[in-house]
Every structure is written in C-alpha cells, then in structure tokens.
C-alpha cells in the first residue's frame, strides 16, 4: 500500500469523514482521493481548493507575515471542509483535503487527527 493510500485511509477513518484527497497545489491535481459519496466530486474539490491555498499563500506573502498555514477551515451548513498543507520536506507543495459531515464529526478531534496523519505522512 502506498503512503498516500495509507494517509487517505487514515483520513477516512475520522468520524464523519465524507471524502479525502491529497493534492498538489502547483498543478491542482489530486494524487489520491477516497470517499463514499456521489454528492462530492473530489477531483473538482481538489482543483477548487488549490485556488484557496494559492490565494491564502499570496496574501500571507503580500502582508509579509513570515508565517505558514496550519490549516484552512471552510464551514458549510452541513459540512466542514479542512485543508491542511503538508509541511514536511517530502510534502512540500501538497495539501490534505477532507470533507466531514457536520452532524457526525467532532471538528477539534478531526483537526487533531489530521495533524497526526501529517506528521506521519511520507508522501
């Protein structure tokens, strides 16, 4: 099993997970996706969230904040979407994306699990 597949399986084991992807934000291409819903096209979500990451990185640079993105949270009425750039040397230029069902997810726990998955990822 690849490290990407392992990371995706761990992401999908988080309570409330709808879908997960690991994305190259240089190209907008998903390196891997996993999910069990037809309501969320993970390829489109990966490409769209690439623009979110790029915009936030540009803003941080323009403001000369000398900081990095830990995660980006998008709160919808029925879902949470979490974007977490990978910070390790091997993960440069990649981010984890996941969608969670708001009724079944614990947001704080999900963010904690994503941080742990990122720390262990060797993509």
N, C-alpha and C. Protein backbone atom coordinates (compact mmCIF):
# COMPACT_ATOMS: atom_id res chain seq x y z
N UNK A 1 0.85 -1.18 0.00
CA UNK A 1 0.00 0.00 0.00
C UNK A 1 0.89 1.24 0.00
N UNK A 2 0.56 2.21 -0.84
CA UNK A 2 1.37 3.43 -0.91
C UNK A 2 1.13 4.29 0.33
N UNK A 3 2.06 5.19 0.59
CA UNK A 3 1.92 6.11 1.72
C UNK A 3 0.71 7.03 1.53
N UNK A 4 0.46 7.42 0.27
CA UNK A 4 -0.71 8.26 0.00
C UNK A 4 -1.98 7.49 0.33
N UNK A 5 -2.06 6.25 -0.12
CA UNK A 5 -3.24 5.44 0.16
C UNK A 5 -3.42 5.23 1.66
N UNK A 6 -2.32 4.99 2.36
CA UNK A 6 -2.38 4.81 3.82
C UNK A 6 -2.90 6.09 4.49
N UNK A 7 -2.37 7.24 4.08
CA UNK A 7 -2.83 8.52 4.65
C UNK A 7 -4.31 8.74 4.37
N UNK A 8 -4.76 8.42 3.15
CA UNK A 8 -6.17 8.59 2.81
C UNK A 8 -7.06 7.67 3.66
N UNK A 9 -6.62 6.43 3.87
CA UNK A 9 -7.39 5.51 4.71
C UNK A 9 -7.49 6.03 6.13
N UNK A 10 -6.40 6.59 6.64
CA UNK A 10 -6.43 7.15 7.99
C UNK A 10 -7.36 8.36 8.04
N UNK A 11 -7.34 9.19 7.00
CA UNK A 11 -8.23 10.35 6.96
C UNK A 11 -9.70 9.89 6.94
N UNK A 12 -10.00 8.85 6.17
CA UNK A 12 -11.38 8.37 6.06
C UNK A 12 -11.85 7.68 7.33
N UNK A 13 -10.92 7.30 8.22
CA UNK A 13 -11.32 6.67 9.48
C UNK A 13 -11.76 7.69 10.52
N UNK A 14 -11.58 8.98 10.24
CA UNK A 14 -12.00 10.04 11.16
C UNK A 14 -13.53 10.10 11.16
N UNK A 15 -14.13 10.18 12.35
CA UNK A 15 -15.59 10.23 12.46
C UNK A 15 -16.16 11.34 11.59
N UNK A 16 -17.17 10.99 10.80
CA UNK A 16 -17.85 11.97 9.96
C UNK A 16 -17.23 12.18 8.60
N UNK A 17 -16.12 11.50 8.29
CA UNK A 17 -15.44 11.70 7.01
C UNK A 17 -16.36 11.35 5.84
N UNK A 18 -16.40 12.25 4.86
CA UNK A 18 -17.17 12.05 3.63
C UNK A 18 -16.22 11.75 2.48
N UNK A 19 -15.12 12.48 2.45
CA UNK A 19 -14.14 12.31 1.38
C UNK A 19 -12.82 12.90 1.78
N UNK A 20 -11.75 12.38 1.15
CA UNK A 20 -10.40 12.86 1.45
C UNK A 20 -9.57 12.87 0.18
N UNK A 21 -8.62 13.77 0.12
CA UNK A 21 -7.72 13.85 -1.03
C UNK A 21 -6.37 14.39 -0.58
N UNK A 22 -5.34 14.01 -1.33
CA UNK A 22 -4.03 14.62 -1.20
C UNK A 22 -3.76 15.26 -2.54
N UNK A 23 -3.45 16.56 -2.50
CA UNK A 23 -3.46 17.38 -3.71
C UNK A 23 -2.13 18.11 -3.88
N UNK A 24 -1.68 18.21 -5.12
CA UNK A 24 -0.52 19.01 -5.50
C UNK A 24 -1.05 20.40 -5.85
N UNK A 25 -0.73 21.41 -5.03
CA UNK A 25 -1.31 22.73 -5.31
C UNK A 25 -0.56 23.50 -6.40
N UNK A 26 0.53 22.95 -6.90
CA UNK A 26 1.17 23.55 -8.06
C UNK A 26 0.35 23.29 -9.32
N UNK A 27 -0.16 22.07 -9.43
CA UNK A 27 -0.92 21.67 -10.62
C UNK A 27 -2.42 21.60 -10.39
N UNK A 28 -2.85 21.48 -9.12
CA UNK A 28 -4.26 21.30 -8.82
C UNK A 28 -4.72 19.86 -8.97
N UNK A 29 -3.78 18.96 -9.25
CA UNK A 29 -4.12 17.55 -9.45
C UNK A 29 -4.15 16.80 -8.12
N UNK A 30 -5.17 15.97 -7.97
CA UNK A 30 -5.24 15.10 -6.79
C UNK A 30 -4.32 13.90 -7.03
N UNK A 31 -3.42 13.64 -6.08
CA UNK A 31 -2.54 12.48 -6.17
C UNK A 31 -3.26 11.23 -5.71
N UNK A 32 -4.32 11.42 -4.93
CA UNK A 32 -5.13 10.32 -4.47
C UNK A 32 -6.40 10.85 -3.86
N UNK A 33 -7.49 10.13 -4.05
CA UNK A 33 -8.78 10.50 -3.46
C UNK A 33 -9.43 9.26 -2.88
N UNK A 34 -10.25 9.46 -1.88
CA UNK A 34 -11.00 8.37 -1.28
C UNK A 34 -12.28 8.95 -0.71
N UNK A 35 -13.39 8.32 -0.99
CA UNK A 35 -14.65 8.81 -0.47
C UNK A 35 -15.78 7.88 -0.85
N UNK A 36 -16.90 8.08 -0.21
CA UNK A 36 -18.02 7.19 -0.44
C UNK A 36 -19.31 7.95 -0.72
N UNK A 37 -19.21 9.05 -1.45
CA UNK A 37 -20.40 9.82 -1.75
C UNK A 37 -20.37 10.32 -3.19
N UNK A 38 -21.52 10.32 -3.81
CA UNK A 38 -21.65 10.87 -5.16
C UNK A 38 -21.92 12.37 -5.10
N UNK A 39 -22.24 12.86 -3.90
CA UNK A 39 -22.58 14.27 -3.73
C UNK A 39 -21.36 15.18 -3.75
N UNK A 40 -20.15 14.59 -3.65
CA UNK A 40 -18.93 15.39 -3.60
C UNK A 40 -17.92 14.85 -4.60
N UNK A 41 -17.69 15.61 -5.67
CA UNK A 41 -16.69 15.21 -6.67
C UNK A 41 -15.33 15.67 -6.16
N UNK A 42 -14.53 14.73 -5.69
CA UNK A 42 -13.26 15.06 -5.05
C UNK A 42 -12.24 15.65 -6.02
N UNK A 43 -12.32 15.30 -7.30
CA UNK A 43 -11.41 15.90 -8.28
C UNK A 43 -11.69 17.39 -8.45
N UNK A 44 -12.97 17.75 -8.52
CA UNK A 44 -13.35 19.17 -8.62
C UNK A 44 -13.00 19.90 -7.33
N UNK A 45 -13.27 19.25 -6.20
CA UNK A 45 -12.95 19.87 -4.90
C UNK A 45 -11.44 20.10 -4.79
N UNK A 46 -10.64 19.15 -5.24
CA UNK A 46 -9.18 19.30 -5.18
C UNK A 46 -8.73 20.50 -5.99
N UNK A 47 -9.23 20.62 -7.21
CA UNK A 47 -8.85 21.74 -8.07
C UNK A 47 -9.32 23.07 -7.48
N UNK A 48 -10.54 23.12 -6.99
CA UNK A 48 -11.07 24.35 -6.42
C UNK A 48 -10.34 24.78 -5.16
N UNK A 49 -10.00 23.83 -4.31
CA UNK A 49 -9.30 24.17 -3.07
C UNK A 49 -7.84 24.54 -3.31
N UNK A 50 -7.31 24.14 -4.45
CA UNK A 50 -5.98 24.60 -4.84
C UNK A 50 -5.97 26.12 -4.93
N UNK A 51 -7.04 26.68 -5.49
CA UNK A 51 -7.14 28.14 -5.61
C UNK A 51 -7.21 28.80 -4.24
N UNK A 52 -7.90 28.16 -3.30
CA UNK A 52 -7.99 28.69 -1.93
C UNK A 52 -6.59 28.75 -1.30
N UNK A 53 -5.84 27.66 -1.43
CA UNK A 53 -4.49 27.59 -0.84
C UNK A 53 -3.59 28.64 -1.49
N UNK A 54 -3.60 28.72 -2.81
CA UNK A 54 -2.76 29.70 -3.52
C UNK A 54 -3.09 31.13 -3.09
N UNK A 55 -4.39 31.44 -3.00
CA UNK A 55 -4.81 32.79 -2.62
C UNK A 55 -4.33 33.13 -1.22
N UNK A 56 -4.46 32.20 -0.29
CA UNK A 56 -4.04 32.48 1.09
C UNK A 56 -2.54 32.63 1.18
N UNK A 57 -1.80 31.81 0.44
CA UNK A 57 -0.34 31.92 0.44
C UNK A 57 0.11 33.27 -0.14
N UNK A 58 -0.56 33.71 -1.21
CA UNK A 58 -0.24 35.03 -1.79
C UNK A 58 -0.51 36.14 -0.77
N UNK A 59 -1.62 36.05 -0.07
CA UNK A 59 -1.99 37.07 0.91
C UNK A 59 -0.98 37.12 2.05
N UNK A 60 -0.57 35.95 2.55
CA UNK A 60 0.43 35.90 3.62
C UNK A 60 1.72 36.55 3.15
N UNK A 61 2.11 36.26 1.91
CA UNK A 61 3.34 36.84 1.36
C UNK A 61 3.21 38.36 1.19
N UNK A 62 2.07 38.82 0.66
CA UNK A 62 1.87 40.25 0.45
C UNK A 62 1.84 41.02 1.77
N UNK A 63 1.37 40.37 2.82
CA UNK A 63 1.34 41.02 4.13
C UNK A 63 2.65 40.86 4.89
N UNK A 64 3.60 40.14 4.29
CA UNK A 64 4.91 39.88 4.90
C UNK A 64 4.75 39.33 6.32
N UNK A 65 3.87 38.35 6.46
CA UNK A 65 3.58 37.81 7.79
C UNK A 65 4.65 36.84 8.28
N UNK A 66 5.50 36.35 7.39
CA UNK A 66 6.55 35.40 7.78
C UNK A 66 5.95 34.26 8.62
N UNK A 67 4.92 33.64 8.07
CA UNK A 67 4.20 32.59 8.78
C UNK A 67 3.75 31.55 7.76
N UNK A 68 3.23 30.44 8.25
CA UNK A 68 2.75 29.38 7.37
C UNK A 68 1.32 29.00 7.74
N UNK A 69 0.63 28.39 6.80
CA UNK A 69 -0.74 27.94 7.03
C UNK A 69 -0.70 26.62 7.79
N UNK A 70 -1.39 26.57 8.91
CA UNK A 70 -1.55 25.30 9.62
C UNK A 70 -2.71 24.54 9.00
N UNK A 71 -3.87 25.17 8.96
CA UNK A 71 -4.98 24.60 8.21
C UNK A 71 -5.97 25.71 7.86
N UNK A 72 -6.83 25.40 6.91
CA UNK A 72 -7.88 26.31 6.48
C UNK A 72 -9.18 25.57 6.68
N UNK A 73 -10.11 26.21 7.37
CA UNK A 73 -11.40 25.59 7.65
C UNK A 73 -12.49 26.34 6.90
N UNK A 74 -13.30 25.58 6.17
CA UNK A 74 -14.46 26.15 5.48
C UNK A 74 -15.68 25.48 6.11
N UNK A 75 -16.55 26.29 6.67
CA UNK A 75 -17.72 25.77 7.37
C UNK A 75 -18.95 25.98 6.49
N UNK A 76 -19.57 24.88 6.11
CA UNK A 76 -20.82 24.93 5.36
C UNK A 76 -21.96 24.56 6.31
N UNK A 77 -23.19 24.70 5.87
CA UNK A 77 -24.30 24.41 6.77
C UNK A 77 -24.38 22.93 7.15
N UNK A 78 -23.91 22.02 6.27
CA UNK A 78 -23.97 20.60 6.58
C UNK A 78 -22.61 19.91 6.59
N UNK A 79 -21.56 20.64 6.25
CA UNK A 79 -20.24 20.02 6.17
C UNK A 79 -19.16 20.95 6.69
N UNK A 80 -18.05 20.33 7.09
CA UNK A 80 -16.80 21.03 7.34
C UNK A 80 -15.84 20.59 6.24
N UNK A 81 -15.07 21.53 5.71
CA UNK A 81 -14.01 21.20 4.77
C UNK A 81 -12.71 21.71 5.39
N UNK A 82 -11.73 20.82 5.50
CA UNK A 82 -10.45 21.17 6.11
C UNK A 82 -9.36 20.99 5.07
N UNK A 83 -8.53 22.01 4.93
CA UNK A 83 -7.37 21.98 4.03
C UNK A 83 -6.14 22.12 4.92
N UNK A 84 -5.21 21.18 4.79
CA UNK A 84 -4.01 21.21 5.62
C UNK A 84 -2.78 21.00 4.75
N UNK A 85 -2.01 22.07 4.47
CA UNK A 85 -0.77 21.90 3.71
C UNK A 85 0.21 20.99 4.45
N UNK A 86 0.90 20.14 3.71
CA UNK A 86 1.91 19.27 4.31
C UNK A 86 3.19 20.07 4.46
N UNK A 87 3.77 20.02 5.64
CA UNK A 87 4.93 20.86 5.92
C UNK A 87 6.25 20.11 5.85
N UNK A 88 6.23 18.80 5.87
CA UNK A 88 7.48 18.04 5.82
C UNK A 88 8.20 18.22 4.50
N UNK A 89 9.48 17.93 4.50
CA UNK A 89 10.30 18.09 3.30
C UNK A 89 9.70 17.34 2.11
N UNK A 90 9.22 16.12 2.34
CA UNK A 90 8.66 15.33 1.26
C UNK A 90 7.27 15.80 0.84
N UNK A 91 6.61 16.57 1.66
CA UNK A 91 5.25 17.00 1.35
C UNK A 91 5.14 18.40 0.80
N UNK A 92 6.27 19.06 0.56
CA UNK A 92 6.23 20.43 0.05
C UNK A 92 5.41 20.48 -1.24
N UNK A 93 4.49 21.44 -1.30
CA UNK A 93 3.66 21.62 -2.48
C UNK A 93 2.40 20.78 -2.48
N UNK A 94 2.15 20.07 -1.37
CA UNK A 94 0.97 19.22 -1.28
C UNK A 94 0.08 19.67 -0.12
N UNK A 95 -1.21 19.36 -0.23
CA UNK A 95 -2.08 19.57 0.92
C UNK A 95 -3.06 18.41 1.05
N UNK A 96 -3.48 18.19 2.29
CA UNK A 96 -4.53 17.23 2.58
C UNK A 96 -5.85 18.00 2.58
N UNK A 97 -6.86 17.38 2.00
CA UNK A 97 -8.20 17.99 1.98
C UNK A 97 -9.19 16.94 2.45
N UNK A 98 -10.07 17.34 3.31
CA UNK A 98 -11.13 16.41 3.67
C UNK A 98 -12.43 17.13 3.96
N UNK A 99 -13.51 16.42 3.65
CA UNK A 99 -14.86 16.92 3.92
C UNK A 99 -15.46 16.03 4.99
N UNK A 100 -16.15 16.67 5.93
CA UNK A 100 -16.75 15.97 7.07
C UNK A 100 -18.23 16.32 7.16
N UNK A 101 -19.03 15.36 7.55
CA UNK A 101 -20.44 15.58 7.84
C UNK A 101 -20.52 16.27 9.19
N UNK A 102 -21.10 17.44 9.21
CA UNK A 102 -21.15 18.25 10.44
C UNK A 102 -21.88 17.58 11.58
N UNK A 103 -22.90 16.78 11.26
CA UNK A 103 -23.68 16.13 12.31
C UNK A 103 -22.91 14.99 12.98
N UNK A 104 -21.96 14.39 12.27
CA UNK A 104 -21.25 13.23 12.81
C UNK A 104 -19.81 13.53 13.23
N UNK A 105 -19.30 14.69 12.85
CA UNK A 105 -17.89 14.99 13.07
C UNK A 105 -17.68 15.81 14.35
N UNK A 106 -16.52 15.60 14.94
CA UNK A 106 -16.04 16.45 16.03
C UNK A 106 -14.87 17.23 15.42
N UNK A 107 -15.08 18.51 15.18
CA UNK A 107 -14.10 19.31 14.45
C UNK A 107 -12.74 19.34 15.14
N UNK A 108 -12.71 19.55 16.44
CA UNK A 108 -11.42 19.60 17.16
C UNK A 108 -10.67 18.28 17.04
N UNK A 109 -11.39 17.18 17.18
CA UNK A 109 -10.77 15.86 17.07
C UNK A 109 -10.28 15.60 15.65
N UNK A 110 -11.07 15.99 14.67
CA UNK A 110 -10.68 15.82 13.26
C UNK A 110 -9.39 16.58 12.96
N UNK A 111 -9.30 17.82 13.43
CA UNK A 111 -8.08 18.61 13.21
C UNK A 111 -6.89 17.96 13.90
N UNK A 112 -7.09 17.43 15.09
CA UNK A 112 -6.02 16.73 15.82
C UNK A 112 -5.55 15.51 15.03
N UNK A 113 -6.49 14.72 14.52
CA UNK A 113 -6.14 13.53 13.75
C UNK A 113 -5.40 13.90 12.46
N UNK A 114 -5.84 14.96 11.79
CA UNK A 114 -5.16 15.38 10.57
C UNK A 114 -3.72 15.80 10.86
N UNK A 115 -3.51 16.49 11.96
CA UNK A 115 -2.16 16.91 12.34
C UNK A 115 -1.28 15.68 12.55
N UNK A 116 -1.82 14.66 13.23
CA UNK A 116 -1.08 13.42 13.47
C UNK A 116 -0.78 12.70 12.16
N UNK A 117 -1.77 12.64 11.26
CA UNK A 117 -1.56 11.98 9.96
C UNK A 117 -0.48 12.72 9.18
N UNK A 118 -0.52 14.05 9.21
CA UNK A 118 0.51 14.84 8.51
C UNK A 118 1.89 14.55 9.06
N UNK A 119 2.02 14.48 10.37
CA UNK A 119 3.32 14.23 11.00
C UNK A 119 3.89 12.88 10.57
N UNK A 120 3.02 11.91 10.35
CA UNK A 120 3.47 10.56 9.99
C UNK A 120 3.53 10.31 8.48
N UNK A 121 3.05 11.26 7.69
CA UNK A 121 2.99 11.05 6.24
C UNK A 121 4.37 11.10 5.61
N UNK A 122 4.60 10.17 4.71
CA UNK A 122 5.86 10.11 3.94
C UNK A 122 5.50 10.07 2.46
N UNK A 123 4.83 11.11 1.98
CA UNK A 123 4.39 11.11 0.58
C UNK A 123 5.45 11.63 -0.36
